[in-house]
């Protein structure tokens, strides 16, 4: 099973309408501090942050799985975003392996060369 590809604007619309849907930002803390994060306050939600660093070892994946299982129900819809759509695709694929079948990859990313990304079209905030 593959993650569902979704545009940033469509992900925001889904998040605003479905209670059991969540946004997970898989960029690094440096990226969050320099470019901001998606702001979901207008829809009474928060963005979950997972520091998807350069080292992805067994310990990281165990902690990632624990975070997902503690934070979400396996029937929830999880939307993953990174800068360009690559790390978020990996995060969504792994979430599916952990039992989260409703995993989406925001393929346009938070901020990349494509103008149809989150930062250019949807609310953001600084951290």
PDB file of N, CA and C in Angstrom:
ATOM      1  N   UNK A   1       0.847  -1.184   0.000  1.00  0.00           N
ATOM      2  CA  UNK A   1       0.000   0.000   0.000  1.00  0.00           C
ATOM      3  C   UNK A   1       0.892   1.246   0.000  1.00  0.00           C
ATOM      4  N   UNK A   2       0.553   2.202  -0.851  1.00  0.00           N
ATOM      5  CA  UNK A   2       1.325   3.435  -0.971  1.00  0.00           C
ATOM      6  C   UNK A   2       0.574   4.596  -0.326  1.00  0.00           C
ATOM      7  N   UNK A   3       1.319   5.611   0.154  1.00  0.00           N
ATOM      8  CA  UNK A   3       0.641   6.819   0.665  1.00  0.00           C
ATOM      9  C   UNK A   3      -0.102   7.516  -0.473  1.00  0.00           C
ATOM     10  N   UNK A   4      -1.149   8.202  -0.114  1.00  0.00           N
ATOM     11  CA  UNK A   4      -1.917   8.973  -1.081  1.00  0.00           C
ATOM     12  C   UNK A   4      -1.220  10.302  -1.298  1.00  0.00           C
ATOM     13  N   UNK A   5      -0.987  10.661  -2.564  1.00  0.00           N
ATOM     14  CA  UNK A   5      -0.405  11.968  -2.887  1.00  0.00           C
ATOM     15  C   UNK A   5      -1.508  13.007  -2.825  1.00  0.00           C
ATOM     16  N   UNK A   6      -1.184  14.144  -2.217  1.00  0.00           N
ATOM     17  CA  UNK A   6      -2.183  15.209  -2.089  1.00  0.00           C
ATOM     18  C   UNK A   6      -1.508  16.571  -2.190  1.00  0.00           C
ATOM     19  N   UNK A   7      -2.216  17.510  -2.771  1.00  0.00           N
ATOM     20  CA  UNK A   7      -1.714  18.888  -2.868  1.00  0.00           C
ATOM     21  C   UNK A   7      -1.846  19.560  -1.505  1.00  0.00           C
ATOM     22  N   UNK A   8      -1.040  20.566  -1.263  1.00  0.00           N
ATOM     23  CA  UNK A   8      -1.056  21.288   0.012  1.00  0.00           C
ATOM     24  C   UNK A   8      -2.436  21.895   0.285  1.00  0.00           C
ATOM     25  N   UNK A   9      -3.017  22.554  -0.695  1.00  0.00           N
ATOM     26  CA  UNK A   9      -4.314  23.212  -0.509  1.00  0.00           C
ATOM     27  C   UNK A   9      -5.409  22.195  -0.203  1.00  0.00           C
ATOM     28  N   UNK A  10      -5.349  21.033  -0.829  1.00  0.00           N
ATOM     29  CA  UNK A  10      -6.341  19.987  -0.572  1.00  0.00           C
ATOM     30  C   UNK A  10      -6.141  19.363   0.808  1.00  0.00           C
ATOM     31  N   UNK A  11      -4.887  19.241   1.228  1.00  0.00           N
ATOM     32  CA  UNK A  11      -4.609  18.723   2.573  1.00  0.00           C
ATOM     33  C   UNK A  11      -5.180  19.665   3.629  1.00  0.00           C
ATOM     34  N   UNK A  12      -4.983  20.972   3.444  1.00  0.00           N
ATOM     35  CA  UNK A  12      -5.512  21.944   4.395  1.00  0.00           C
ATOM     36  C   UNK A  12      -7.036  21.861   4.460  1.00  0.00           C
ATOM     37  N   UNK A  13      -7.663  21.719   3.310  1.00  0.00           N
ATOM     38  CA  UNK A  13      -9.124  21.597   3.258  1.00  0.00           C
ATOM     39  C   UNK A  13      -9.587  20.344   4.018  1.00  0.00           C
ATOM     40  N   UNK A  14      -8.927  19.223   3.796  1.00  0.00           N
ATOM     41  CA  UNK A  14      -9.261  17.979   4.486  1.00  0.00           C
ATOM     42  C   UNK A  14      -9.066  18.142   5.991  1.00  0.00           C
ATOM     43  N   UNK A  15      -7.917  18.720   6.394  1.00  0.00           N
ATOM     44  CA  UNK A  15      -7.628  18.939   7.814  1.00  0.00           C
ATOM     45  C   UNK A  15      -8.688  19.828   8.468  1.00  0.00           C
ATOM     46  N   UNK A  16      -9.197  20.799   7.724  1.00  0.00           N
ATOM     47  CA  UNK A  16     -10.189  21.721   8.294  1.00  0.00           C
ATOM     48  C   UNK A  16     -11.555  21.070   8.458  1.00  0.00           C
ATOM     49  N   UNK A  17     -11.821  20.006   7.700  1.00  0.00           N
ATOM     50  CA  UNK A  17     -13.143  19.381   7.726  1.00  0.00           C
ATOM     51  C   UNK A  17     -13.214  18.105   8.552  1.00  0.00           C
ATOM     52  N   UNK A  18     -12.118  17.424   8.740  1.00  0.00           N
ATOM     53  CA  UNK A  18     -12.131  16.120   9.409  1.00  0.00           C
ATOM     54  C   UNK A  18     -11.451  16.211  10.775  1.00  0.00           C
ATOM     55  N   UNK A  19     -12.186  15.867  11.809  1.00  0.00           N
ATOM     56  CA  UNK A  19     -11.666  15.953  13.173  1.00  0.00           C
ATOM     57  C   UNK A  19     -10.445  15.062  13.379  1.00  0.00           C
ATOM     58  N   UNK A  20     -10.526  13.837  12.933  1.00  0.00           N
ATOM     59  CA  UNK A  20      -9.437  12.882  13.168  1.00  0.00           C
ATOM     60  C   UNK A  20      -8.396  12.911  12.062  1.00  0.00           C
ATOM     61  N   UNK A  21      -7.936  14.114  11.740  1.00  0.00           N
ATOM     62  CA  UNK A  21      -6.871  14.295  10.750  1.00  0.00           C
ATOM     63  C   UNK A  21      -5.797  15.187  11.369  1.00  0.00           C
ATOM     64  N   UNK A  22      -4.545  14.911  11.012  1.00  0.00           N
ATOM     65  CA  UNK A  22      -3.418  15.580  11.660  1.00  0.00           C
ATOM     66  C   UNK A  22      -2.317  15.864  10.648  1.00  0.00           C
ATOM     67  N   UNK A  23      -1.596  16.956  10.881  1.00  0.00           N
ATOM     68  CA  UNK A  23      -0.471  17.341  10.033  1.00  0.00           C
ATOM     69  C   UNK A  23       0.827  17.110  10.785  1.00  0.00           C
ATOM     70  N   UNK A  24       1.763  16.423  10.145  1.00  0.00           N
ATOM     71  CA  UNK A  24       3.056  16.117  10.742  1.00  0.00           C
ATOM     72  C   UNK A  24       4.148  16.671   9.833  1.00  0.00           C
ATOM     73  N   UNK A  25       4.934  17.596  10.357  1.00  0.00           N
ATOM     74  CA  UNK A  25       6.027  18.229   9.619  1.00  0.00           C
ATOM     75  C   UNK A  25       7.303  17.448   9.885  1.00  0.00           C
ATOM     76  N   UNK A  26       7.891  16.891   8.829  1.00  0.00           N
ATOM     77  CA  UNK A  26       9.067  16.029   8.965  1.00  0.00           C
ATOM     78  C   UNK A  26      10.359  16.722   8.529  1.00  0.00           C
ATOM     79  N   UNK A  27      10.421  18.014   8.719  1.00  0.00           N
ATOM     80  CA  UNK A  27      11.665  18.726   8.406  1.00  0.00           C
ATOM     81  C   UNK A  27      12.555  18.760   9.651  1.00  0.00           C
ATOM     82  N   UNK A  28      13.639  19.491   9.586  1.00  0.00           N
ATOM     83  CA  UNK A  28      14.557  19.598  10.724  1.00  0.00           C
ATOM     84  C   UNK A  28      14.255  20.856  11.537  1.00  0.00           C
ATOM     85  N   UNK A  29      14.756  20.890  12.752  1.00  0.00           N
ATOM     86  CA  UNK A  29      14.522  22.058  13.600  1.00  0.00           C
ATOM     87  C   UNK A  29      15.103  23.324  12.987  1.00  0.00           C
ATOM     88  N   UNK A  30      16.190  23.218  12.270  1.00  0.00           N
ATOM     89  CA  UNK A  30      16.768  24.401  11.602  1.00  0.00           C
ATOM     90  C   UNK A  30      15.803  24.927  10.541  1.00  0.00           C
ATOM     91  N   UNK A  31      15.186  24.020   9.791  1.00  0.00           N
ATOM     92  CA  UNK A  31      14.219  24.441   8.771  1.00  0.00           C
ATOM     93  C   UNK A  31      13.011  25.113   9.409  1.00  0.00           C
ATOM     94  N   UNK A  32      12.518  24.543  10.510  1.00  0.00           N
ATOM     95  CA  UNK A  32      11.359  25.139  11.186  1.00  0.00           C
ATOM     96  C   UNK A  32      11.681  26.556  11.652  1.00  0.00           C
ATOM     97  N   UNK A  33      12.884  26.739  12.195  1.00  0.00           N
ATOM     98  CA  UNK A  33      13.271  28.054  12.732  1.00  0.00           C
ATOM     99  C   UNK A  33      13.512  29.074  11.633  1.00  0.00           C
ATOM    100  N   UNK A  34      14.005  28.651  10.476  1.00  0.00           N
ATOM    101  CA  UNK A  34      14.332  29.613   9.425  1.00  0.00           C
ATOM    102  C   UNK A  34      13.178  29.907   8.466  1.00  0.00           C
ATOM    103  N   UNK A  35      12.268  28.934   8.262  1.00  0.00           N
ATOM    104  CA  UNK A  35      11.181  29.173   7.293  1.00  0.00           C
ATOM    105  C   UNK A  35       9.795  29.113   7.909  1.00  0.00           C
ATOM    106  N   UNK A  36       9.694  28.755   9.189  1.00  0.00           N
ATOM    107  CA  UNK A  36       8.396  28.670   9.844  1.00  0.00           C
ATOM    108  C   UNK A  36       7.778  27.293   9.694  1.00  0.00           C
ATOM    109  N   UNK A  37       6.568  27.156  10.239  1.00  0.00           N
ATOM    110  CA  UNK A  37       5.837  25.896  10.169  1.00  0.00           C
ATOM    111  C   UNK A  37       4.394  26.185   9.737  1.00  0.00           C
ATOM    112  N   UNK A  38       3.691  25.180   9.233  1.00  0.00           N
ATOM    113  CA  UNK A  38       2.286  25.387   8.902  1.00  0.00           C
ATOM    114  C   UNK A  38       1.505  25.823  10.147  1.00  0.00           C
ATOM    115  N   UNK A  39       0.658  26.817   9.974  1.00  0.00           N
ATOM    116  CA  UNK A  39      -0.158  27.335  11.073  1.00  0.00           C
ATOM    117  C   UNK A  39      -1.593  26.836  10.900  1.00  0.00           C
ATOM    118  N   UNK A  40      -2.014  25.975  11.818  1.00  0.00           N
ATOM    119  CA  UNK A  40      -3.359  25.408  11.762  1.00  0.00           C
ATOM    120  C   UNK A  40      -4.285  26.012  12.812  1.00  0.00           C
ATOM    121  N   UNK A  41      -3.877  27.112  13.424  1.00  0.00           N
ATOM    122  CA  UNK A  41      -4.686  27.701  14.495  1.00  0.00           C
ATOM    123  C   UNK A  41      -6.069  28.142  14.008  1.00  0.00           C
ATOM    124  N   UNK A  42      -6.200  28.522  12.756  1.00  0.00           N
ATOM    125  CA  UNK A  42      -7.505  28.954  12.231  1.00  0.00           C
ATOM    126  C   UNK A  42      -8.504  27.801  12.154  1.00  0.00           C
ATOM    127  N   UNK A  43      -8.002  26.565  12.212  1.00  0.00           N
ATOM    128  CA  UNK A  43      -8.900  25.399  12.199  1.00  0.00           C
ATOM    129  C   UNK A  43      -8.795  24.628  13.529  1.00  0.00           C
ATOM    130  N   UNK A  44      -8.268  25.298  14.541  1.00  0.00           N
ATOM    131  CA  UNK A  44      -8.162  24.740  15.899  1.00  0.00           C
ATOM    132  C   UNK A  44      -7.384  23.432  15.964  1.00  0.00           C
ATOM    133  N   UNK A  45      -6.281  23.396  15.240  1.00  0.00           N
ATOM    134  CA  UNK A  45      -5.394  22.234  15.256  1.00  0.00           C
ATOM    135  C   UNK A  45      -3.963  22.706  15.410  1.00  0.00           C
ATOM    136  N   UNK A  46      -3.087  21.744  15.692  1.00  0.00           N
ATOM    137  CA  UNK A  46      -1.667  22.048  15.791  1.00  0.00           C
ATOM    138  C   UNK A  46      -0.897  21.207  14.787  1.00  0.00           C
ATOM    139  N   UNK A  47       0.284  21.676  14.442  1.00  0.00           N
ATOM    140  CA  UNK A  47       1.186  20.921  13.576  1.00  0.00           C
ATOM    141  C   UNK A  47       2.128  20.135  14.470  1.00  0.00           C
ATOM    142  N   UNK A  48       2.226  18.845  14.223  1.00  0.00           N
ATOM    143  CA  UNK A  48       3.160  17.992  14.963  1.00  0.00           C
ATOM    144  C   UNK A  48       4.504  18.038  14.257  1.00  0.00           C
ATOM    145  N   UNK A  49       5.563  18.132  15.044  1.00  0.00           N
ATOM    146  CA  UNK A  49       6.903  18.244  14.485  1.00  0.00           C
ATOM    147  C   UNK A  49       7.734  17.008  14.809  1.00  0.00           C
ATOM    148  N   UNK A  50       8.297  16.407  13.773  1.00  0.00           N
ATOM    149  CA  UNK A  50       9.218  15.286  13.937  1.00  0.00           C
ATOM    150  C   UNK A  50      10.515  15.687  13.251  1.00  0.00           C
ATOM    151  N   UNK A  51      11.566  15.816  14.039  1.00  0.00           N
ATOM    152  CA  UNK A  51      12.862  16.208  13.496  1.00  0.00           C
ATOM    153  C   UNK A  51      13.444  15.045  12.702  1.00  0.00           C
ATOM    154  N   UNK A  52      13.270  15.122  11.377  1.00  0.00           N
ATOM    155  CA  UNK A  52      13.712  14.061  10.474  1.00  0.00           C
ATOM    156  C   UNK A  52      15.146  14.373  10.077  1.00  0.00           C
ATOM    157  N   UNK A  53      16.081  13.987  10.952  1.00  0.00           N
ATOM    158  CA  UNK A  53      17.481  14.324  10.768  1.00  0.00           C
ATOM    159  C   UNK A  53      18.197  13.458   9.755  1.00  0.00           C
ATOM    160  N   UNK A  54      19.497  13.679   9.623  1.00  0.00           N
ATOM    161  CA  UNK A  54      20.279  12.949   8.620  1.00  0.00           C
ATOM    162  C   UNK A  54      20.557  11.485   8.996  1.00  0.00           C
ATOM    163  N   UNK A  55      20.440  11.154  10.273  1.00  0.00           N
ATOM    164  CA  UNK A  55      20.705   9.784  10.704  1.00  0.00           C
ATOM    165  C   UNK A  55      19.383   9.095  11.037  1.00  0.00           C
ATOM    166  N   UNK A  56      19.048   8.099  10.229  1.00  0.00           N
ATOM    167  CA  UNK A  56      17.813   7.349  10.427  1.00  0.00           C
ATOM    168  C   UNK A  56      18.200   5.914  10.786  1.00  0.00           C
ATOM    169  N   UNK A  57      18.404   5.697  12.069  1.00  0.00           N
ATOM    170  CA  UNK A  57      18.813   4.375  12.538  1.00  0.00           C
ATOM    171  C   UNK A  57      17.643   3.671  13.224  1.00  0.00           C
ATOM    172  N   UNK A  58      17.890   2.493  13.741  1.00  0.00           N
ATOM    173  CA  UNK A  58      16.854   1.697  14.384  1.00  0.00           C
ATOM    174  C   UNK A  58      16.216   2.442  15.557  1.00  0.00           C
ATOM    175  N   UNK A  59      17.034   3.149  16.324  1.00  0.00           N
ATOM    176  CA  UNK A  59      16.520   3.916  17.465  1.00  0.00           C
ATOM    177  C   UNK A  59      15.538   4.985  16.992  1.00  0.00           C
ATOM    178  N   UNK A  60      15.891   5.686  15.915  1.00  0.00           N
ATOM    179  CA  UNK A  60      14.996   6.708  15.368  1.00  0.00           C
ATOM    180  C   UNK A  60      13.648   6.092  14.989  1.00  0.00           C
ATOM    181  N   UNK A  61      13.679   4.971  14.268  1.00  0.00           N
ATOM    182  CA  UNK A  61      12.434   4.353  13.814  1.00  0.00           C
ATOM    183  C   UNK A  61      11.601   3.817  14.971  1.00  0.00           C
ATOM    184  N   UNK A  62      12.248   3.328  16.014  1.00  0.00           N
ATOM    185  CA  UNK A  62      11.516   2.884  17.200  1.00  0.00           C
ATOM    186  C   UNK A  62      10.828   4.065  17.881  1.00  0.00           C
ATOM    187  N   UNK A  63      11.538   5.201  17.981  1.00  0.00           N
ATOM    188  CA  UNK A  63      10.957   6.403  18.587  1.00  0.00           C
ATOM    189  C   UNK A  63       9.829   6.966  17.711  1.00  0.00           C
ATOM    190  N   UNK A  64      10.010   6.909  16.405  1.00  0.00           N
ATOM    191  CA  UNK A  64       8.989   7.376  15.465  1.00  0.00           C
ATOM    192  C   UNK A  64       7.718   6.539  15.620  1.00  0.00           C
ATOM    193  N   UNK A  65       7.867   5.233  15.659  1.00  0.00           N
ATOM    194  CA  UNK A  65       6.722   4.347  15.830  1.00  0.00           C
ATOM    195  C   UNK A  65       6.016   4.621  17.157  1.00  0.00           C
ATOM    196  N   UNK A  66       6.785   4.774  18.217  1.00  0.00           N
ATOM    197  CA  UNK A  66       6.209   5.055  19.540  1.00  0.00           C
ATOM    198  C   UNK A  66       5.432   6.377  19.515  1.00  0.00           C
ATOM    199  N   UNK A  67       6.006   7.405  18.892  1.00  0.00           N
ATOM    200  CA  UNK A  67       5.332   8.705  18.769  1.00  0.00           C
ATOM    201  C   UNK A  67       3.989   8.556  18.056  1.00  0.00           C
ATOM    202  N   UNK A  68       3.980   7.849  16.933  1.00  0.00           N
ATOM    203  CA  UNK A  68       2.735   7.673  16.183  1.00  0.00           C
ATOM    204  C   UNK A  68       1.690   6.922  17.000  1.00  0.00           C
ATOM    205  N   UNK A  69       2.100   5.843  17.637  1.00  0.00           N
ATOM    206  CA  UNK A  69       1.151   5.015  18.383  1.00  0.00           C
ATOM    207  C   UNK A  69       0.587   5.727  19.617  1.00  0.00           C
ATOM    208  N   UNK A  70       1.396   6.577  20.241  1.00  0.00           N
ATOM    209  CA  UNK A  70       0.945   7.326  21.415  1.00  0.00           C
ATOM    210  C   UNK A  70       0.075   8.523  21.013  1.00  0.00           C
ATOM    211  N   UNK A  71       0.405   9.151  19.909  1.00  0.00           N
ATOM    212  CA  UNK A  71      -0.243  10.404  19.519  1.00  0.00           C
ATOM    213  C   UNK A  71      -1.519  10.245  18.710  1.00  0.00           C
ATOM    214  N   UNK A  72      -1.662   9.141  17.962  1.00  0.00           N
ATOM    215  CA  UNK A  72      -2.756   9.021  17.010  1.00  0.00           C
ATOM    216  C   UNK A  72      -3.415   7.648  17.086  1.00  0.00           C
ATOM    217  N   UNK A  73      -4.644   7.607  16.582  1.00  0.00           N
ATOM    218  CA  UNK A  73      -5.356   6.352  16.393  1.00  0.00           C
ATOM    219  C   UNK A  73      -4.999   5.848  15.000  1.00  0.00           C
ATOM    220  N   UNK A  74      -4.871   4.550  14.831  1.00  0.00           N
ATOM    221  CA  UNK A  74      -4.470   4.021  13.527  1.00  0.00           C
ATOM    222  C   UNK A  74      -5.504   4.278  12.425  1.00  0.00           C
ATOM    223  N   UNK A  75      -6.704   4.674  12.783  1.00  0.00           N
ATOM    224  CA  UNK A  75      -7.715   5.022  11.781  1.00  0.00           C
ATOM    225  C   UNK A  75      -7.680   6.500  11.404  1.00  0.00           C
ATOM    226  N   UNK A  76      -6.891   7.308  12.132  1.00  0.00           N
ATOM    227  CA  UNK A  76      -6.781   8.734  11.827  1.00  0.00           C
ATOM    228  C   UNK A  76      -6.157   8.936  10.445  1.00  0.00           C
ATOM    229  N   UNK A  77      -6.394  10.101   9.876  1.00  0.00           N
ATOM    230  CA  UNK A  77      -5.748  10.500   8.622  1.00  0.00           C
ATOM    231  C   UNK A  77      -4.527  11.342   8.972  1.00  0.00           C
ATOM    232  N   UNK A  78      -3.368  10.893   8.525  1.00  0.00           N
ATOM    233  CA  UNK A  78      -2.116  11.582   8.818  1.00  0.00           C
ATOM    234  C   UNK A  78      -1.553  12.191   7.544  1.00  0.00           C
ATOM    235  N   UNK A  79      -1.291  13.487   7.603  1.00  0.00           N
ATOM    236  CA  UNK A  79      -0.740  14.225   6.471  1.00  0.00           C
ATOM    237  C   UNK A  79       0.695  14.597   6.797  1.00  0.00           C
ATOM    238  N   UNK A  80       1.620  14.191   5.944  1.00  0.00           N
ATOM    239  CA  UNK A  80       3.042  14.431   6.171  1.00  0.00           C
ATOM    240  C   UNK A  80       3.542  15.469   5.187  1.00  0.00           C
ATOM    241  N   UNK A  81       4.370  16.398   5.707  1.00  0.00           N
ATOM    242  CA  UNK A  81       4.932  17.451   4.874  1.00  0.00           C
ATOM    243  C   UNK A  81       6.411  17.622   5.212  1.00  0.00           C
ATOM    244  N   UNK A  82       7.210  17.931   4.194  1.00  0.00           N
ATOM    245  CA  UNK A  82       8.618  18.306   4.383  1.00  0.00           C
ATOM    246  C   UNK A  82       8.888  19.449   3.400  1.00  0.00           C
ATOM    247  N   UNK A  83      10.130  19.761   3.160  1.00  0.00           N
ATOM    248  CA  UNK A  83      10.434  20.870   2.258  1.00  0.00           C
ATOM    249  C   UNK A  83       9.945  20.591   0.841  1.00  0.00           C
ATOM    250  N   UNK A  84      10.259  19.392   0.323  1.00  0.00           N
ATOM    251  CA  UNK A  84       9.982  19.128  -1.089  1.00  0.00           C
ATOM    252  C   UNK A  84       9.088  17.935  -1.368  1.00  0.00           C
ATOM    253  N   UNK A  85       8.735  17.159  -0.358  1.00  0.00           N
ATOM    254  CA  UNK A  85       7.889  15.997  -0.570  1.00  0.00           C
ATOM    255  C   UNK A  85       8.620  14.663  -0.512  1.00  0.00           C
ATOM    256  N   UNK A  86       9.936  14.667  -0.314  1.00  0.00           N
ATOM    257  CA  UNK A  86      10.704  13.413  -0.268  1.00  0.00           C
ATOM    258  C   UNK A  86      10.701  12.770   1.114  1.00  0.00           C
ATOM    259  N   UNK A  87      11.098  13.521   2.125  1.00  0.00           N
ATOM    260  CA  UNK A  87      11.099  12.977   3.490  1.00  0.00           C
ATOM    261  C   UNK A  87       9.687  12.635   3.938  1.00  0.00           C
ATOM    262  N   UNK A  88       8.738  13.475   3.545  1.00  0.00           N
ATOM    263  CA  UNK A  88       7.344  13.210   3.931  1.00  0.00           C
ATOM    264  C   UNK A  88       6.825  11.938   3.266  1.00  0.00           C
ATOM    265  N   UNK A  89       7.279  11.653   2.067  1.00  0.00           N
ATOM    266  CA  UNK A  89       6.883  10.403   1.403  1.00  0.00           C
ATOM    267  C   UNK A  89       7.425   9.217   2.190  1.00  0.00           C
ATOM    268  N   UNK A  90       8.683   9.286   2.599  1.00  0.00           N
ATOM    269  CA  UNK A  90       9.271   8.213   3.393  1.00  0.00           C
ATOM    270  C   UNK A  90       8.536   8.058   4.726  1.00  0.00           C
ATOM    271  N   UNK A  91       8.242   9.168   5.381  1.00  0.00           N
ATOM    272  CA  UNK A  91       7.545   9.127   6.669  1.00  0.00           C
ATOM    273  C   UNK A  91       6.153   8.502   6.519  1.00  0.00           C
ATOM    274  N   UNK A  92       5.459   8.846   5.447  1.00  0.00           N
ATOM    275  CA  UNK A  92       4.121   8.295   5.212  1.00  0.00           C
ATOM    276  C   UNK A  92       4.193   6.798   4.903  1.00  0.00           C
ATOM    277  N   UNK A  93       5.178   6.382   4.111  1.00  0.00           N
ATOM    278  CA  UNK A  93       5.346   4.957   3.804  1.00  0.00           C
ATOM    279  C   UNK A  93       5.599   4.159   5.077  1.00  0.00           C
ATOM    280  N   UNK A  94       6.448   4.676   5.932  1.00  0.00           N
ATOM    281  CA  UNK A  94       6.767   3.981   7.180  1.00  0.00           C
ATOM    282  C   UNK A  94       5.549   3.955   8.109  1.00  0.00           C
ATOM    283  N   UNK A  95       4.786   5.054   8.137  1.00  0.00           N
ATOM    284  CA  UNK A  95       3.569   5.086   8.954  1.00  0.00           C
ATOM    285  C   UNK A  95       2.596   3.988   8.510  1.00  0.00           C
ATOM    286  N   UNK A  96       2.500   3.779   7.218  1.00  0.00           N
ATOM    287  CA  UNK A  96       1.638   2.708   6.705  1.00  0.00           C
ATOM    288  C   UNK A  96       2.133   1.357   7.215  1.00  0.00           C
ATOM    289  N   UNK A  97       3.445   1.148   7.191  1.00  0.00           N
ATOM    290  CA  UNK A  97       4.017  -0.100   7.714  1.00  0.00           C
ATOM    291  C   UNK A  97       3.691  -0.286   9.193  1.00  0.00           C
ATOM    292  N   UNK A  98       3.549   0.815   9.928  1.00  0.00           N
ATOM    293  CA  UNK A  98       3.223   0.770  11.356  1.00  0.00           C
ATOM    294  C   UNK A  98       1.713   0.656  11.598  1.00  0.00           C
ATOM    295  N   UNK A  99       0.919   0.537  10.533  1.00  0.00           N
ATOM    296  CA  UNK A  99      -0.518   0.333  10.681  1.00  0.00           C
ATOM    297  C   UNK A  99      -1.383   1.548  10.424  1.00  0.00           C
ATOM    298  N   UNK A 100      -0.796   2.679  10.050  1.00  0.00           N
ATOM    299  CA  UNK A 100      -1.549   3.909   9.787  1.00  0.00           C
ATOM    300  C   UNK A 100      -1.854   3.972   8.283  1.00  0.00           C
ATOM    301  N   UNK A 101      -2.928   3.314   7.900  1.00  0.00           N
ATOM    302  CA  UNK A 101      -3.262   3.133   6.477  1.00  0.00           C
ATOM    303  C   UNK A 101      -3.697   4.428   5.793  1.00  0.00           C
ATOM    304  N   UNK A 102      -4.221   5.389   6.552  1.00  0.00           N
ATOM    305  CA  UNK A 102      -4.684   6.658   5.977  1.00  0.00           C
ATOM    306  C   UNK A 102      -3.573   7.703   6.059  1.00  0.00           C
ATOM    307  N   UNK A 103      -2.475   7.412   5.381  1.00  0.00           N
ATOM    308  CA  UNK A 103      -1.310   8.311   5.382  1.00  0.00           C
ATOM    309  C   UNK A 103      -1.190   8.998   4.028  1.00  0.00           C
ATOM    310  N   UNK A 104      -0.986  10.311   4.084  1.00  0.00           N
ATOM    311  CA  UNK A 104      -0.925  11.145   2.887  1.00  0.00           C
ATOM    312  C   UNK A 104       0.427  11.847   2.806  1.00  0.00           C
ATOM    313  N   UNK A 105       0.931  11.995   1.595  1.00  0.00           N
ATOM    314  CA  UNK A 105       2.142  12.764   1.358  1.00  0.00           C
ATOM    315  C   UNK A 105       1.766  14.058   0.649  1.00  0.00           C
ATOM    316  N   UNK A 106       2.074  15.188   1.287  1.00  0.00           N
ATOM    317  CA  UNK A 106       1.855  16.495   0.649  1.00  0.00           C
ATOM    318  C   UNK A 106       3.040  16.705  -0.291  1.00  0.00           C
ATOM    319  N   UNK A 107       2.849  16.291  -1.528  1.00  0.00           N
ATOM    320  CA  UNK A 107       3.959  16.198  -2.485  1.00  0.00           C
ATOM    321  C   UNK A 107       4.499  17.552  -2.942  1.00  0.00           C
ATOM    322  N   UNK A 108       3.730  18.614  -2.783  1.00  0.00           N
ATOM    323  CA  UNK A 108       4.217  19.944  -3.180  1.00  0.00           C
ATOM    324  C   UNK A 108       5.177  20.525  -2.139  1.00  0.00           C
ATOM    325  N   UNK A 109       5.174  19.954  -0.950  1.00  0.00           N
ATOM    326  CA  UNK A 109       6.104  20.375   0.090  1.00  0.00           C
ATOM    327  C   UNK A 109       5.723  21.681   0.766  1.00  0.00           C
ATOM    328  N   UNK A 110       6.535  22.012   1.765  1.00  0.00           N
ATOM    329  CA  UNK A 110       6.327  23.256   2.500  1.00  0.00           C
ATOM    330  C   UNK A 110       6.873  24.437   1.718  1.00  0.00           C
ATOM    331  N   UNK A 111       8.089  24.283   1.234  1.00  0.00           N
ATOM    332  CA  UNK A 111       8.723  25.382   0.502  1.00  0.00           C
ATOM    333  C   UNK A 111       9.749  24.814  -0.459  1.00  0.00           C
ATOM    334  N   UNK A 112       9.391  24.754  -1.715  1.00  0.00           N
ATOM    335  CA  UNK A 112      10.329  24.301  -2.740  1.00  0.00           C
ATOM    336  C   UNK A 112      10.212  25.217  -3.948  1.00  0.00           C
ATOM    337  N   UNK A 113      10.760  24.807  -5.055  1.00  0.00           N
ATOM    338  CA  UNK A 113      10.764  25.651  -6.250  1.00  0.00           C
ATOM    339  C   UNK A 113       9.365  25.821  -6.850  1.00  0.00           C
ATOM    340  N   UNK A 114       8.485  24.910  -6.533  1.00  0.00           N
ATOM    341  CA  UNK A 114       7.117  24.942  -7.045  1.00  0.00           C
ATOM    342  C   UNK A 114       6.311  26.017  -6.301  1.00  0.00           C
ATOM    343  N   UNK A 115       5.614  26.866  -7.020  1.00  0.00           N
ATOM    344  CA  UNK A 115       4.811  27.911  -6.378  1.00  0.00           C
ATOM    345  C   UNK A 115       3.586  27.363  -5.658  1.00  0.00           C
ATOM    346  N   UNK A 116       3.214  26.129  -5.944  1.00  0.00           N
ATOM    347  CA  UNK A 116       2.029  25.536  -5.338  1.00  0.00           C
ATOM    348  C   UNK A 116       2.361  24.839  -4.021  1.00  0.00           C
ATOM    349  N   UNK A 117       3.273  25.391  -3.249  1.00  0.00           N
ATOM    350  CA  UNK A 117       3.660  24.780  -1.980  1.00  0.00           C
ATOM    351  C   UNK A 117       2.867  25.414  -0.831  1.00  0.00           C
ATOM    352  N   UNK A 118       3.065  24.885   0.368  1.00  0.00           N
ATOM    353  CA  UNK A 118       2.324  25.372   1.534  1.00  0.00           C
ATOM    354  C   UNK A 118       2.655  26.829   1.831  1.00  0.00           C
ATOM    355  N   UNK A 119       3.936  27.160   1.900  1.00  0.00           N
ATOM    356  CA  UNK A 119       4.359  28.499   2.346  1.00  0.00           C
ATOM    357  C   UNK A 119       3.809  29.613   1.459  1.00  0.00           C
ATOM    358  N   UNK A 120       3.683  29.371   0.182  1.00  0.00           N
ATOM    359  CA  UNK A 120       3.208  30.410  -0.739  1.00  0.00           C
ATOM    360  C   UNK A 120       1.686  30.548  -0.761  1.00  0.00           C
ATOM    361  N   UNK A 121       0.971  29.582  -0.180  1.00  0.00           N
ATOM    362  CA  UNK A 121      -0.482  29.569  -0.349  1.00  0.00           C
ATOM    363  C   UNK A 121      -1.305  29.409   0.921  1.00  0.00           C
ATOM    364  N   UNK A 122      -0.691  29.020   2.006  1.00  0.00           N
ATOM    365  CA  UNK A 122      -1.441  28.697   3.216  1.00  0.00           C
ATOM    366  C   UNK A 122      -0.791  29.345   4.449  1.00  0.00           C
ATOM    367  N   UNK A 123      -1.487  29.394   5.563  1.00  0.00           N
ATOM    368  CA  UNK A 123      -0.949  30.081   6.749  1.00  0.00           C
ATOM    369  C   UNK A 123       0.300  29.395   7.325  1.00  0.00           C
ATOM    370  N   UNK A 124       1.239  30.238   7.736  1.00  0.00           N
ATOM    371  CA  UNK A 124       2.454  29.754   8.411  1.00  0.00           C
ATOM    372  C   UNK A 124       2.682  30.608   9.645  1.00  0.00           C
ATOM    373  N   UNK A 125       3.549  30.103  10.534  1.00  0.00           N
ATOM    374  CA  UNK A 125       3.936  30.889  11.707  1.00  0.00           C
ATOM    375  C   UNK A 125       5.384  30.593  12.034  1.00  0.00           C
ATOM    376  N   UNK A 126       5.996  31.504  12.759  1.00  0.00           N
ATOM    377  CA  UNK A 126       7.376  31.339  13.200  1.00  0.00           C
ATOM    378  C   UNK A 126       7.394  30.576  14.522  1.00  0.00           C
ATOM    379  N   UNK A 127       8.491  29.889  14.753  1.00  0.00           N
ATOM    380  CA  UNK A 127       8.653  29.239  16.057  1.00  0.00           C
ATOM    381  C   UNK A 127       9.948  29.696  16.703  1.00  0.00           C
TER     382      UNK A 127
END
